[in-house]
Protein backbone atom coordinates (compact mmCIF):
# COMPACT_ATOMS: atom_id res chain seq x y z
CA MET A 1 -10.23 20.25 29.42
CA ASP A 2 -7.82 23.10 28.89
CA ARG A 3 -4.59 23.61 27.07
CA VAL A 4 -2.10 21.45 28.89
CA GLY A 5 1.19 23.14 29.57
CA THR A 6 -0.49 26.28 30.84
CA SER A 7 -1.17 26.54 34.54
CA GLY A 8 -4.95 26.88 34.48
CA LEU A 9 -6.98 23.76 34.98
CA LEU A 10 -3.93 21.63 35.82
CA ASN A 11 -3.73 23.46 39.15
CA LEU A 12 -7.25 22.22 40.00
CA VAL A 13 -6.45 18.55 39.27
CA PRO A 14 -4.80 17.82 42.68
CA TYR A 15 -7.98 19.04 44.42
CA LEU A 16 -10.14 16.81 42.22
CA LYS A 17 -7.88 13.82 42.89
CA ALA A 18 -7.84 14.51 46.64
CA ALA A 19 -11.66 14.48 46.51
CA GLY A 20 -11.50 10.99 45.03
CA PHE A 21 -12.05 11.74 41.36
CA ASP A 22 -10.16 9.84 38.65
CA CYS A 23 -8.90 12.60 36.37
CA ARG A 24 -8.03 12.26 32.72
CA VAL A 25 -6.45 15.38 31.27
CA PRO A 26 -6.21 15.25 27.47
CA ASP A 27 -3.40 17.35 26.04
CA TYR A 28 -4.48 19.19 22.90
CA GLY A 29 -1.48 21.47 23.08
CA LEU A 30 -1.35 25.12 22.21
CA ILE A 31 -3.74 26.25 19.51
CA THR A 32 -4.38 29.85 18.64
CA ALA A 33 -7.85 31.33 18.74
CA VAL A 34 -8.08 31.36 14.94
CA GLU A 35 -7.26 27.66 14.81
CA THR A 36 -10.22 26.67 17.00
CA HIS A 37 -12.71 26.44 14.14
CA ILE A 38 -10.49 23.72 12.64
CA ALA A 39 -8.99 22.12 15.76
CA ASN A 40 -12.12 21.92 17.94
CA PRO A 41 -14.01 19.50 15.66
CA LEU A 42 -10.90 17.27 15.54
CA ILE A 43 -10.52 17.33 19.32
CA ARG A 44 -14.23 16.65 19.78
CA ARG A 45 -14.17 13.60 17.46
CA THR A 46 -11.07 12.29 19.21
CA LEU A 47 -12.52 12.60 22.73
CA PHE A 48 -16.09 11.45 22.12
CA PRO A 49 -15.39 7.67 22.02
CA TYR A 50 -13.65 7.84 25.40
CA ILE A 51 -16.51 9.44 27.32
CA GLU A 52 -18.40 6.91 29.44
CA PRO A 53 -21.86 7.22 31.00
CA GLY A 54 -21.61 9.09 34.28
CA ASP A 55 -18.38 10.95 33.47
CA LEU A 56 -17.93 14.54 34.58
CA TYR A 57 -16.54 17.22 32.30
CA VAL A 58 -14.51 20.10 33.73
CA GLY A 59 -13.53 22.73 31.20
CA HIS A 60 -11.87 26.12 31.05
CA SER A 61 -12.08 28.67 28.25
CA ASN A 62 -12.09 26.93 24.86
CA GLY A 63 -12.35 23.60 26.69
CA CYS A 64 -15.92 24.61 27.54
CA ALA A 65 -16.74 25.12 23.87
CA ILE A 66 -15.39 21.64 23.19
CA GLY A 67 -17.40 20.25 26.13
CA TYR A 68 -20.58 21.90 24.91
CA GLU A 69 -20.11 20.46 21.44
CA LEU A 70 -19.53 17.00 22.99
CA MET A 71 -22.82 17.39 24.86
CA GLN A 72 -24.58 18.25 21.61
CA LEU A 73 -23.22 15.04 20.12
CA GLY A 74 -24.81 13.10 23.00
CA ALA A 75 -21.88 12.54 25.35
CA PRO A 76 -23.51 10.88 28.41
CA LEU A 77 -22.27 13.18 31.17
CA ALA A 78 -23.47 13.16 34.77
CA GLY A 79 -22.55 16.83 34.95
CA ALA A 80 -20.12 19.52 33.93
CA VAL A 81 -18.18 22.46 35.32
CA TYR A 82 -17.42 25.42 33.05
CA ILE A 83 -14.84 27.87 34.32
CA ASN A 84 -14.54 31.16 32.42
CA ALA A 85 -16.12 29.59 29.38
CA ALA A 86 -15.34 30.94 25.92
CA LEU A 87 -18.90 30.09 24.95
CA TYR A 88 -22.02 32.02 24.03
CA ARG A 89 -24.28 32.68 26.99
CA ASP A 90 -27.63 31.33 25.81
CA ILE A 91 -26.62 27.74 25.15
CA LYS A 92 -29.30 25.09 24.85
CA LEU A 93 -28.50 22.05 26.95
CA PRO A 94 -29.21 18.48 25.83
CA ALA A 95 -31.87 16.33 27.48
CA PRO A 96 -31.46 15.51 31.20
CA THR A 97 -30.67 11.92 30.22
CA THR A 98 -27.49 13.25 28.59
CA LEU A 99 -26.53 15.95 31.12
CA GLY A 100 -27.59 16.13 34.75
CA TRP A 101 -26.22 19.52 35.85
CA LEU A 102 -23.86 22.36 34.92
CA ASP A 103 -21.99 24.78 37.20
CA VAL A 104 -20.83 27.95 35.42
CA TYR A 105 -18.05 29.98 37.08
CA TYR A 106 -17.55 33.49 35.72
CA ASN A 107 -16.35 36.94 36.73
CA GLY A 108 -16.70 40.45 35.35
CA GLY A 109 -12.91 40.79 35.05
CA ASP A 110 -12.70 38.12 32.31
CA SER A 111 -11.95 40.27 29.28
CA ALA A 112 -10.67 37.33 27.22
CA THR A 113 -14.16 35.95 26.72
CA VAL A 114 -15.45 39.43 25.80
CA ALA A 115 -12.89 39.41 22.99
CA ALA A 116 -14.07 35.90 22.06
CA VAL A 117 -17.40 37.39 20.96
CA VAL A 118 -15.65 39.51 18.36
CA GLY A 119 -13.64 36.58 17.05
CA ALA A 120 -16.76 34.43 16.67
CA LYS A 121 -18.72 37.21 14.93
CA LEU A 122 -15.88 37.72 12.46
CA GLY A 123 -15.69 33.97 11.79
CA LEU A 124 -12.12 33.82 13.07
CA THR A 125 -12.75 31.37 15.93
CA ASP A 126 -15.04 28.50 16.86
CA GLY A 127 -18.56 29.74 16.13
CA SER A 128 -19.81 28.87 19.61
CA TRP A 129 -17.40 31.26 21.32
CA GLY A 130 -18.89 33.97 23.50
CA GLU A 131 -18.66 35.77 26.83
CA MET A 132 -20.04 33.23 29.30
CA GLY A 133 -16.80 33.51 31.27
CA HIS A 134 -17.43 37.24 31.71
CA ALA A 135 -21.17 37.32 32.39
CA GLY A 136 -22.42 33.79 33.09
CA TYR A 137 -25.13 31.62 31.60
CA LEU A 138 -28.16 33.41 30.18
CA GLY A 139 -31.08 31.05 30.11
CA SER A 140 -33.76 29.38 32.15
CA ASP A 141 -32.55 25.79 32.42
CA THR A 142 -32.73 24.93 36.11
CA ARG A 143 -29.86 22.45 35.79
CA VAL A 144 -27.46 25.40 35.47
CA THR A 145 -26.04 27.25 38.46
CA ASN A 146 -24.26 30.55 37.78
CA ILE A 147 -21.44 31.24 40.24
CA ASP A 148 -20.09 34.80 40.06
CA ALA A 149 -16.58 34.24 41.41
CA GLY A 150 -15.90 37.97 41.07
CA LYS A 151 -18.37 38.70 43.83
CA ALA A 152 -17.39 35.76 46.01
CA ASN A 153 -16.76 37.59 49.26
CA LYS A 154 -19.92 39.70 48.71
CA ALA A 155 -22.18 36.81 47.77
CA THR A 156 -23.98 36.00 51.02
CA ALA A 157 -27.33 36.68 49.35
CA LEU A 158 -26.67 33.94 46.80
CA GLY A 159 -26.69 31.28 49.48
CA LEU A 160 -23.85 29.41 47.82
CA GLY A 161 -21.34 29.70 50.67
CA LEU A 162 -18.96 32.00 48.81
CA GLU A 163 -18.60 34.62 51.50
CA ASP A 164 -15.27 33.27 52.80
CA LEU A 165 -13.65 32.92 49.38
CA PRO A 166 -11.41 35.52 47.73
CA ALA A 167 -12.92 37.39 44.80
CA VAL A 168 -11.65 36.38 41.37
CA SER A 169 -10.90 38.74 38.49
CA GLY A 170 -9.58 37.59 35.14
CA HIS A 171 -9.72 34.69 32.73
CA SER A 172 -7.62 32.25 34.79
CA ASP A 173 -7.42 33.94 38.19
CA ILE A 174 -9.44 31.21 39.92
CA PHE A 175 -6.60 28.78 39.12
CA THR A 176 -3.84 30.70 40.87
CA PRO A 177 -2.40 28.51 43.63
CA ALA A 178 -3.26 31.10 46.29
CA LYS A 179 -6.93 31.32 45.22
CA LEU A 180 -7.31 27.54 45.01
CA ALA A 181 -5.68 27.09 48.41
CA ALA A 182 -7.82 29.87 49.91
CA GLY A 183 -10.87 27.74 49.24
CA TRP A 184 -11.78 27.67 45.55
CA GLY A 185 -10.30 24.19 45.05
CA ARG A 186 -12.37 22.81 47.92
CA PHE A 187 -15.49 24.75 46.91
CA ILE A 188 -15.45 23.42 43.33
CA THR A 189 -14.89 19.81 44.40
CA ASP A 190 -17.50 20.04 47.18
CA ARG A 191 -20.10 21.32 44.70
CA ILE A 192 -19.34 18.43 42.35
CA ARG A 193 -19.78 15.92 45.19
CA LYS A 194 -23.10 17.50 46.22
CA HIS A 195 -24.42 16.99 42.69
CA LEU A 196 -23.57 13.27 42.68
């Protein structure tokens, strides 16, 4: 889930399809940050009836806030991928019967989600917005794996197999065709398959 019409998540879809996943990409169009507190509940209510048990949710930026709110409503997801989430860091996940796992991709160069904190505190944006995309998940739920894409080629100690991937810096940098082709597209889809 991301704004369709921007590059972003749409660039990942061919990798997901090549890995055998049936992808549905809802188009919620372009909404400004200040419209999220009105638009997100509408998007959430529209999507919820279409989510089936065992579905996967892949979100970017505000799409992660929408995904989190869907989880809180009880959407029966096998798992989720949050990429540079505009979401507060200490989220509380629903029961394991509702969500099996969550991979959180972030990098220190994501300044957009740092700004999201200010918008949420001022009441200008969706209240769940935060800097997860900049600093990762902050919590103890073992279903969550933090993946610091900004330290990819320095991450041998993490044991995640990131050492051959290019480092990412910025809110949507992971979606650039060169970064996806250099291995991020395969890495994301391989991690999803390992969870299933």
